[in-house]
C-alpha cells in the first residue's frame, strides 16, 4: 500500500540532503550581459539550494612563435583570470550563500565549454547573458543556439541584458 509520498522511507529533508545540488554554470567574461547571467544564476542557486560554477576561458595568444613572450602573456592572462574569478566569487558567495566552483581553461571558449560539460556531469544548467542590441546575442550564444545546440547535454538559460536587477530578482 502506498502512503502517497516518498516510497523510499526518507523524509523530505533526507531526500534533499542526498540529492546532488544543481550547478548553474556561468561563462565569465568582461561583458555587461555576463553580470546579468551571474545575478540570475546566483538567485536561482540560492532559491533552489543549488550552487554556482564560473568558467573563464583564456584565449590563446598570437605570440606562439616567440615562446618566451607567449609564456609571459599566458602567465599574465592566467593571473588576471584568477583575480577576476576571485573577485566574482566573493559576490557569488554573498548573493548565493556559497562559494562557487571555479574553472580556468585555455583555448577556444566554445570548445573548452563542451570539454568541461563532458568532464563535469554535475553541471545541470548553463546560464548565459545575451545582448539584445543590433550586434546580436554574442558569438557564444549564437553558436550554442545555432549549429552547436545538438552538442549540449544541459539546458541553456539566456538572460537578456535589458533586464534590471529587480526584474531578475523577481523571476529567479
Protein backbone atom coordinates (compact mmCIF):
# COMPACT_ATOMS: atom_id res chain seq x y z
CA UNK A 1 0.00 0.00 0.00
CA UNK A 2 1.34 3.42 -0.92
CA UNK A 3 1.35 6.28 1.52
CA UNK A 4 1.17 8.71 -1.41
CA UNK A 5 4.55 10.13 -0.50
CA UNK A 6 8.15 9.14 -0.79
CA UNK A 7 8.37 5.36 -1.22
CA UNK A 8 11.97 5.20 0.00
CA UNK A 9 11.04 5.81 3.61
CA UNK A 10 13.13 9.01 3.76
CA UNK A 11 11.55 12.24 4.84
CA UNK A 12 11.85 15.29 2.56
CA UNK A 13 14.86 16.76 4.41
CA UNK A 14 16.74 13.47 3.98
CA UNK A 15 15.88 13.37 0.28
CA UNK A 16 17.17 16.94 -0.15
CA UNK A 17 20.38 16.07 1.69
CA UNK A 18 21.11 13.08 -0.55
CA UNK A 19 20.17 14.68 -3.87
CA UNK A 20 23.13 16.33 -5.64
CA UNK A 21 22.91 20.10 -5.83
CA UNK A 22 22.04 21.68 -9.15
CA UNK A 23 25.04 23.52 -10.54
CA UNK A 24 24.42 26.65 -12.57
CA UNK A 25 27.42 27.27 -14.85
CA UNK A 26 28.16 30.84 -15.95
CA UNK A 27 30.78 31.56 -18.62
CA UNK A 28 32.72 34.56 -17.31
CA UNK A 29 33.96 37.42 -19.44
CA UNK A 30 34.10 41.18 -19.03
CA UNK A 31 30.73 41.85 -20.68
CA UNK A 32 27.79 43.62 -19.10
CA UNK A 33 25.43 40.82 -20.08
CA UNK A 34 27.54 38.33 -18.11
CA UNK A 35 26.71 40.30 -14.96
CA UNK A 36 23.00 39.72 -15.64
CA UNK A 37 23.58 35.99 -16.14
CA UNK A 38 25.62 35.82 -12.95
CA UNK A 39 22.94 37.52 -10.87
CA UNK A 40 20.28 35.21 -12.30
CA UNK A 41 22.40 32.09 -11.61
CA UNK A 42 23.10 33.22 -8.05
CA UNK A 43 19.45 33.88 -7.32
CA UNK A 44 18.38 30.53 -8.82
CA UNK A 45 21.08 28.69 -6.89
CA UNK A 46 20.04 30.33 -3.63
CA UNK A 47 16.32 29.73 -4.22
CA UNK A 48 16.78 26.07 -5.24
CA UNK A 49 19.58 25.06 -2.87
CA UNK A 50 21.93 24.88 -5.82
CA UNK A 51 25.43 26.08 -6.48
CA UNK A 52 27.10 28.39 -9.00
CA UNK A 53 30.14 27.48 -11.09
CA UNK A 54 32.21 30.02 -13.01
CA UNK A 55 34.18 29.23 -16.17
CA UNK A 56 36.72 31.66 -17.57
CA UNK A 57 38.47 30.70 -20.80
CA UNK A 58 41.78 32.32 -21.72
CA UNK A 59 42.04 32.65 -25.47
CA UNK A 60 45.45 31.63 -26.90
CA UNK A 61 47.88 34.49 -27.54
CA UNK A 62 49.08 35.45 -31.00
CA UNK A 63 52.71 35.23 -29.93
CA UNK A 64 53.16 31.47 -30.26
CA UNK A 65 56.27 31.94 -32.43
CA UNK A 66 58.02 33.86 -29.62
CA UNK A 67 57.93 31.25 -26.90
CA UNK A 68 59.15 33.44 -24.01
CA UNK A 69 56.74 36.26 -24.86
CA UNK A 70 53.89 33.80 -25.31
CA UNK A 71 54.64 32.15 -21.96
CA UNK A 72 54.75 35.51 -20.19
CA UNK A 73 51.47 36.58 -21.79
CA UNK A 74 49.83 33.28 -20.85
CA UNK A 75 51.04 33.63 -17.25
CA UNK A 76 49.71 37.21 -17.05
CA UNK A 77 46.38 36.18 -18.58
CA UNK A 78 46.04 33.34 -16.08
CA UNK A 79 46.80 35.66 -13.16
CA UNK A 80 44.22 38.16 -14.41
CA UNK A 81 41.66 35.37 -14.88
CA UNK A 82 42.22 34.08 -11.35
CA UNK A 83 41.90 37.60 -9.92
CA UNK A 84 38.66 38.17 -11.84
CA UNK A 85 37.23 34.85 -10.64
CA UNK A 86 38.21 35.54 -7.03
CA UNK A 87 36.51 38.94 -7.20
CA UNK A 88 33.37 37.42 -8.72
CA UNK A 89 33.46 34.54 -6.23
CA UNK A 90 33.11 36.96 -3.33
CA UNK A 91 29.98 38.43 -4.94
CA UNK A 92 28.59 34.97 -5.69
CA UNK A 93 29.14 33.93 -2.08
CA UNK A 94 27.23 37.00 -0.92
CA UNK A 95 24.34 36.57 -3.39
CA UNK A 96 24.04 32.76 -3.48
CA UNK A 97 25.15 31.93 0.04
CA UNK A 98 28.00 29.63 -1.01
CA UNK A 99 31.33 29.84 -2.76
CA UNK A 100 31.24 28.93 -6.44
CA UNK A 101 33.20 26.23 -8.19
CA UNK A 102 35.91 27.95 -10.27
CA UNK A 103 37.30 26.78 -13.62
CA UNK A 104 40.06 28.40 -15.68
CA UNK A 105 40.73 26.92 -19.09
CA UNK A 106 42.93 27.88 -22.03
CA UNK A 107 41.76 27.55 -25.62
CA UNK A 108 38.68 28.29 -27.67
CA UNK A 109 35.78 29.25 -25.41
CA UNK A 110 33.18 27.04 -27.09
CA UNK A 111 35.49 24.01 -27.22
CA UNK A 112 36.53 24.40 -23.59
CA UNK A 113 32.91 24.77 -22.51
CA UNK A 114 31.98 21.49 -24.20
CA UNK A 115 35.00 19.76 -22.64
CA UNK A 116 34.02 21.00 -19.19
CA UNK A 117 30.43 19.85 -19.63
CA UNK A 118 31.70 16.41 -20.66
CA UNK A 119 34.07 16.22 -17.67
CA UNK A 120 31.67 17.58 -15.02
CA UNK A 121 28.35 15.70 -15.10
CA UNK A 122 27.05 17.59 -12.04
CA UNK A 123 26.71 20.80 -14.10
CA UNK A 124 22.97 20.88 -14.77
CA UNK A 125 22.23 24.29 -16.31
CA UNK A 126 24.24 26.69 -18.45
CA UNK A 127 23.36 30.33 -17.78
CA UNK A 128 24.49 32.88 -20.38
CA UNK A 129 23.92 36.58 -20.80
CA UNK A 130 22.63 37.69 -24.19
CA UNK A 131 22.99 41.08 -25.83
CA UNK A 132 19.72 42.47 -27.10
CA UNK A 133 21.16 45.18 -29.35
CA UNK A 134 21.70 45.17 -33.08
CA UNK A 135 25.01 43.29 -32.80
CA UNK A 136 23.26 40.04 -31.91
CA UNK A 137 23.35 37.97 -28.73
CA UNK A 138 27.12 37.38 -28.79
CA UNK A 139 29.23 34.73 -30.52
CA UNK A 140 28.93 32.02 -27.86
CA UNK A 141 25.15 32.38 -27.55
CA UNK A 142 24.78 32.42 -31.34
CA UNK A 143 26.88 29.26 -31.70
CA UNK A 144 25.17 27.37 -28.88
CA UNK A 145 21.66 28.22 -30.05
CA UNK A 146 22.60 27.51 -33.65
CA UNK A 147 24.60 24.71 -35.17
CA UNK A 148 26.11 23.52 -31.86
CA UNK A 149 22.82 23.16 -29.98
CA UNK A 150 22.79 19.41 -30.56
CA UNK A 151 26.12 19.00 -28.73
CA UNK A 152 24.75 20.34 -25.45
CA UNK A 153 23.74 17.89 -22.71
CA UNK A 154 22.28 20.57 -20.42
CA UNK A 155 19.60 23.21 -20.89
CA UNK A 156 20.60 26.82 -21.50
CA UNK A 157 19.05 29.78 -19.72
CA UNK A 158 19.58 33.01 -21.64
CA UNK A 159 19.36 36.20 -19.61
CA UNK A 160 18.78 39.30 -21.79
CA UNK A 161 20.91 42.31 -20.95
CA UNK A 162 17.87 44.59 -20.90
CA UNK A 163 16.62 43.16 -17.59
CA UNK A 164 17.29 45.22 -14.48
CA UNK A 165 18.25 43.71 -11.11
CA UNK A 166 14.71 44.00 -9.75
CA UNK A 167 13.30 42.08 -12.70
CA UNK A 168 15.97 39.39 -12.48
CA UNK A 169 15.28 39.03 -8.75
CA UNK A 170 11.54 38.71 -9.33
CA UNK A 171 11.83 35.97 -11.97
CA UNK A 172 14.57 33.94 -10.36
